[in-house]
Amino acid sequence: MRCSESRFGAVILAAGLGSRFGRAPKMLASYAGRPMVRRVAEAALGSSVGAVVAVLGAHADAVRAALAGLDLTLVDNPDPGAGLSASLRLGLAALPPEVEAAVVLLGDMPRIGPAHVDALIAAYAGAAPRPCAVVPVSGGRRGNPVLLDLRRLADDLATLSGDRGAGQILKGRDDVLEWPADPAVAFDVDTPEALDG
C-alpha cells in the first residue's frame, strides 16, 4: 500500500485528439515498453498524492484499456475537441473535496516520474508564503507537470477556455514558484518521430 497525502491530488490530461501524431492514438504509443499514458499514470500513482484522476476523450475506450488495473478515477470528456481547458476543469472537479492542490500531468510526457511530482509538492509545502502554483523550469523555459493551489486559483480556473491549460492564468502573477528541473519537464510527444528523441 502506498503512502499518500490526501491534501494533494493529480489530474492526468489524456483526452486530446493528438492530430499531429497521425492516425494512431498518441496516448497508446509505446515508450520504453509501455503506453505513454500508462507511464504517466504510474508516475502519479507512485508519488505521494492521494487521489489520481485521468480525463479521457478521443480514443477513450482504448486509453481506458491501457489504464486497466490502476487505482485511479476515469472521467470522460464528451467534447475533447473543445480543448485542454475543458478537460482540466473536468479533472479538477472529480478530485475529492479535501484536495487543496493538484499536480496536472500531460498524458504525452512519458519521462515524468514520481520524483517530479513529489518535488513539486515538496517545493509547494516548503514555501513561505505559499505560492499559487509551482512550475518546473528547464533550460529557461517553463514545463510540465505543474502544481496548482485549487483554493487560490479557483475563480481563474473556472473561467479557462479553449485549448490552453493553466499557463495563461499564471502569466504575470508574482506568486508562482519556479522550480529548477531536469529536461524531462520539457519533453512531450507530438509526433511519432519525437518518440525517438
Protein backbone atom coordinates (compact mmCIF):
# COMPACT_ATOMS: atom_id res chain seq x y z
CA MET A 1 0.00 0.00 0.00
CA ARG A 2 1.40 3.39 -0.98
CA CYS A 3 1.73 6.29 1.42
CA SER A 4 -0.45 9.13 0.15
CA GLU A 5 -1.20 12.70 1.13
CA SER A 6 -4.92 13.42 0.79
CA ARG A 7 -4.40 17.20 0.56
CA PHE A 8 -2.74 16.66 -2.82
CA GLY A 9 -4.24 15.13 -5.94
CA ALA A 10 -3.22 14.58 -9.53
CA VAL A 11 -5.04 15.10 -12.81
CA ILE A 12 -3.80 13.42 -15.98
CA LEU A 13 -4.96 15.06 -19.20
CA ALA A 14 -5.34 12.33 -21.81
CA ALA A 15 -8.38 13.42 -23.81
CA GLY A 16 -6.73 15.18 -26.74
CA LEU A 17 -7.16 14.27 -30.36
CA GLY A 18 -3.40 14.09 -30.95
CA SER A 19 -3.94 15.16 -34.56
CA ARG A 20 -0.26 15.96 -35.16
CA PHE A 21 0.67 12.41 -34.19
CA GLY A 22 -1.20 10.80 -37.08
CA ARG A 23 -3.99 8.26 -37.18
CA ALA A 24 -2.85 6.04 -34.31
CA PRO A 25 -3.91 7.06 -30.78
CA LYS A 26 -0.99 9.06 -29.41
CA MET A 27 -1.61 8.17 -25.77
CA LEU A 28 -1.16 4.49 -26.61
CA ALA A 29 2.19 4.91 -28.34
CA SER A 30 4.80 2.75 -26.68
CA TYR A 31 7.63 4.40 -24.77
CA ALA A 32 10.18 2.15 -23.04
CA GLY A 33 7.82 -0.78 -23.45
CA ARG A 34 4.57 0.71 -22.08
CA PRO A 35 1.87 3.04 -23.43
CA MET A 36 2.79 6.66 -22.73
CA VAL A 37 -0.41 7.35 -20.82
CA ARG A 38 0.16 4.36 -18.55
CA ARG A 39 3.70 5.54 -17.75
CA VAL A 40 2.32 8.94 -16.74
CA ALA A 41 -0.42 7.35 -14.62
CA GLU A 42 2.14 5.12 -12.89
CA ALA A 43 4.26 8.19 -12.16
CA ALA A 44 1.32 9.88 -10.44
CA LEU A 45 0.37 6.73 -8.54
CA GLY A 46 3.96 6.19 -7.45
CA SER A 47 4.11 9.66 -5.91
CA SER A 48 2.73 10.87 -2.59
CA VAL A 49 -0.52 12.30 -3.98
CA GLY A 50 -3.81 10.93 -2.73
CA ALA A 51 -6.42 10.78 -5.48
CA VAL A 52 -5.47 10.46 -9.16
CA VAL A 53 -7.93 11.36 -11.93
CA ALA A 54 -7.40 10.69 -15.64
CA VAL A 55 -9.50 12.58 -18.18
CA LEU A 56 -10.26 10.62 -21.34
CA GLY A 57 -11.78 11.78 -24.59
CA ALA A 58 -10.55 10.79 -28.03
CA HIS A 59 -9.93 7.04 -28.18
CA ALA A 60 -11.43 6.76 -24.68
CA ASP A 61 -12.08 3.01 -24.81
CA ALA A 62 -8.54 2.20 -25.90
CA VAL A 63 -6.99 4.55 -23.34
CA ARG A 64 -9.25 3.09 -20.64
CA ALA A 65 -7.96 -0.36 -21.54
CA ALA A 66 -4.35 0.86 -21.35
CA LEU A 67 -5.03 2.10 -17.81
CA ALA A 68 -6.80 -1.07 -16.66
CA GLY A 69 -5.94 -2.24 -13.17
CA LEU A 70 -4.61 1.11 -11.94
CA ASP A 71 -6.09 2.77 -8.85
CA LEU A 72 -7.41 5.95 -10.44
CA THR A 73 -10.66 7.66 -11.32
CA LEU A 74 -11.51 7.89 -15.01
CA VAL A 75 -13.55 10.84 -16.29
CA ASP A 76 -14.85 11.18 -19.83
CA ASN A 77 -14.68 14.48 -21.67
CA PRO A 78 -17.67 14.29 -24.03
CA ASP A 79 -16.21 17.00 -26.26
CA PRO A 80 -12.42 16.58 -26.47
CA GLY A 81 -12.35 18.97 -29.43
CA ALA A 82 -13.33 21.79 -27.05
CA GLY A 83 -9.74 21.98 -25.89
CA LEU A 84 -7.47 21.35 -22.96
CA SER A 85 -9.26 23.74 -20.61
CA ALA A 86 -12.45 21.65 -20.60
CA SER A 87 -10.50 18.53 -19.68
CA LEU A 88 -8.67 20.39 -16.93
CA ARG A 89 -11.91 21.64 -15.39
CA LEU A 90 -13.47 18.15 -15.55
CA GLY A 91 -10.44 16.55 -13.93
CA LEU A 92 -10.21 19.08 -11.12
CA ALA A 93 -13.94 18.76 -10.42
CA ALA A 94 -13.54 15.00 -9.99
CA LEU A 95 -10.98 15.33 -7.19
CA PRO A 96 -12.18 14.79 -3.61
CA PRO A 97 -13.16 17.99 -1.76
CA GLU A 98 -10.25 17.72 0.69
CA VAL A 99 -7.70 18.18 -2.11
CA GLU A 100 -6.09 21.60 -1.70
CA ALA A 101 -3.56 21.42 -4.51
CA ALA A 102 -3.36 19.33 -7.66
CA VAL A 103 -0.48 18.29 -9.87
CA VAL A 104 -1.58 18.43 -13.50
CA LEU A 105 0.21 15.96 -15.78
CA LEU A 106 0.02 15.63 -19.55
CA GLY A 107 -0.51 12.14 -20.89
CA ASP A 108 2.13 12.63 -23.60
CA MET A 109 5.07 13.28 -21.26
CA PRO A 110 6.44 9.78 -20.61
CA ARG A 111 9.71 10.86 -18.99
CA ILE A 112 7.95 12.27 -15.93
CA GLY A 113 8.39 10.11 -12.85
CA PRO A 114 7.13 10.06 -9.26
CA ALA A 115 10.13 12.15 -8.16
CA HIS A 116 8.99 15.06 -10.36
CA VAL A 117 5.54 15.04 -8.76
CA ASP A 118 6.93 14.77 -5.24
CA ALA A 119 9.44 17.57 -5.87
CA LEU A 120 6.62 19.94 -6.86
CA ILE A 121 4.71 19.02 -3.70
CA ALA A 122 7.79 19.50 -1.53
CA ALA A 123 8.52 22.88 -3.10
CA TYR A 124 4.93 23.99 -2.51
CA ALA A 125 4.76 22.70 1.07
CA GLY A 126 8.09 24.27 1.97
CA ALA A 127 7.44 27.70 0.51
CA ALA A 128 6.57 30.73 2.59
CA PRO A 129 4.45 32.47 1.65
CA ARG A 130 2.55 29.66 -0.07
CA PRO A 131 2.58 30.05 -3.89
CA CYS A 132 -0.50 29.82 -6.09
CA ALA A 133 1.39 27.36 -8.30
CA VAL A 134 4.70 25.56 -8.68
CA VAL A 135 6.01 25.39 -12.24
CA PRO A 136 9.09 23.41 -13.30
CA VAL A 137 11.69 25.24 -15.37
CA SER A 138 14.34 23.63 -17.57
CA GLY A 139 16.65 25.45 -19.95
CA GLY A 140 14.97 28.75 -19.12
CA ARG A 141 11.52 27.50 -20.19
CA ARG A 142 8.52 26.57 -18.11
CA GLY A 143 7.38 22.97 -18.48
CA ASN A 144 5.04 20.37 -17.01
CA PRO A 145 3.65 18.98 -14.78
CA VAL A 146 2.51 21.95 -12.72
CA LEU A 147 1.07 22.12 -9.21
CA LEU A 148 -1.96 24.36 -8.72
CA ASP A 149 -3.33 25.66 -5.42
CA LEU A 150 -7.01 24.98 -6.05
CA ARG A 151 -8.33 27.40 -3.47
CA ARG A 152 -6.26 30.39 -4.54
CA LEU A 153 -6.85 29.77 -8.24
CA ALA A 154 -10.48 28.59 -8.10
CA ASP A 155 -12.02 31.66 -9.74
CA ASP A 156 -9.42 31.82 -12.51
CA LEU A 157 -9.59 28.09 -13.23
CA ALA A 158 -13.37 28.30 -13.59
CA THR A 159 -13.01 30.81 -16.43
CA LEU A 160 -10.48 28.87 -18.51
CA SER A 161 -11.49 28.28 -22.12
CA GLY A 162 -10.04 26.99 -25.36
CA ASP A 163 -7.09 24.72 -25.98
CA ARG A 164 -4.86 26.08 -23.23
CA GLY A 165 -4.20 24.95 -19.70
CA ALA A 166 -3.44 26.95 -16.60
CA GLY A 167 -0.37 28.62 -18.13
CA GLN A 168 -2.46 31.53 -19.36
CA ILE A 169 -3.69 32.39 -15.86
CA LEU A 170 -0.23 32.02 -14.29
CA LYS A 171 1.47 34.51 -16.61
CA GLY A 172 2.11 37.79 -14.91
CA ARG A 173 1.37 36.55 -11.39
CA ASP A 174 4.04 37.22 -8.80
CA ASP A 175 3.07 34.27 -6.57
CA VAL A 176 4.16 31.48 -8.93
CA LEU A 177 7.13 29.48 -7.68
CA GLU A 178 9.52 28.31 -10.40
CA TRP A 179 11.27 25.03 -9.58
CA PRO A 180 14.55 24.16 -11.37
CA ALA A 181 14.03 20.80 -13.05
CA ASP A 182 15.64 18.35 -15.45
CA PRO A 183 14.82 18.25 -19.20
CA ALA A 184 12.03 15.67 -18.71
CA VAL A 185 9.66 18.52 -17.86
CA ALA A 186 10.10 19.93 -21.38
CA PHE A 187 9.78 16.64 -23.29
CA ASP A 188 6.39 15.87 -24.78
CA VAL A 189 5.45 13.71 -27.74
CA ASP A 190 3.54 15.37 -30.56
CA THR A 191 4.81 13.27 -33.50
CA PRO A 192 5.96 9.65 -33.90
CA GLU A 193 9.49 10.98 -34.54
CA ALA A 194 9.57 12.50 -31.05
CA LEU A 195 9.40 9.02 -29.55
CA ASP A 196 12.97 8.52 -30.69
CA GLY A 197 14.12 11.80 -29.10
